[in-house]
Structures are given as structure tokens and as C-alpha cells.
């Protein structure tokens, strides 16, 4: 069984069912926006890119707050949440690579197909 102790009480909203439902909804909206982004060109594509970067910023902040709230050790070792935390880590890392690293190595017209 995982350790559910809290490191910082100021981030208790992360445990709230309403917040978690909202975050889950934002993940769904992000997937829809990313699908539209890949399928479009022009102004719609550009709007989707901006929205995608805003979602990434939200997910990065949430990721950092969750580690701060739970503590690094608990964040990685809690058996109940380890898989979700790993998926979130990969998602944030891929988003950062997509927006911060790939533009240096790929032509702009090819980046469109990555997301």
C-alpha cells in the first residue's frame, strides 16, 4: 500500500475530486486540440499551437506542484499512483522536447506532423 502522507498542505486542492475532474477534462480537450492541430494549416493550426503550449504550461505547473505536495520520494514510490505519475512525467517530457528541443533540429514544415 502506498504512503499517502502529504508534504505541503497548501497544495491540497490537487487531491480534490473537482480539481481532478477538471484536470481530466483539460487532458481530453488537449487531445482534441492536438488532433485539430495536426489536421489543419494556416491560422487554425497556429491557434492550436498556442493552445497546445498553454496546456503544456498548465501540465508543467501541475506536475511541479504535485511533486512539491507529495514529496519526490512519495511521488515516485507510491504504489497506487506510480503508473499515473510515470505517464505524466513522460507526457510533460515529450511536450518539452516538442516545444523546446525539436525546433532546433527540424524544419518548421516537418514539426507540424509531430504535434
Foldseek 3Di string as FASTA:
>chain_A
DADPDWDDPVLCVLVPPVVVVVLVVLVVVLVVLLVQLLVDDDPSVVVSVVVNVVSLVVLVVSLVSVCNTHPVVRLCPGPVCNVVNVVSVVVSVVSCCLVPPVVVPDDPVVSSNVD
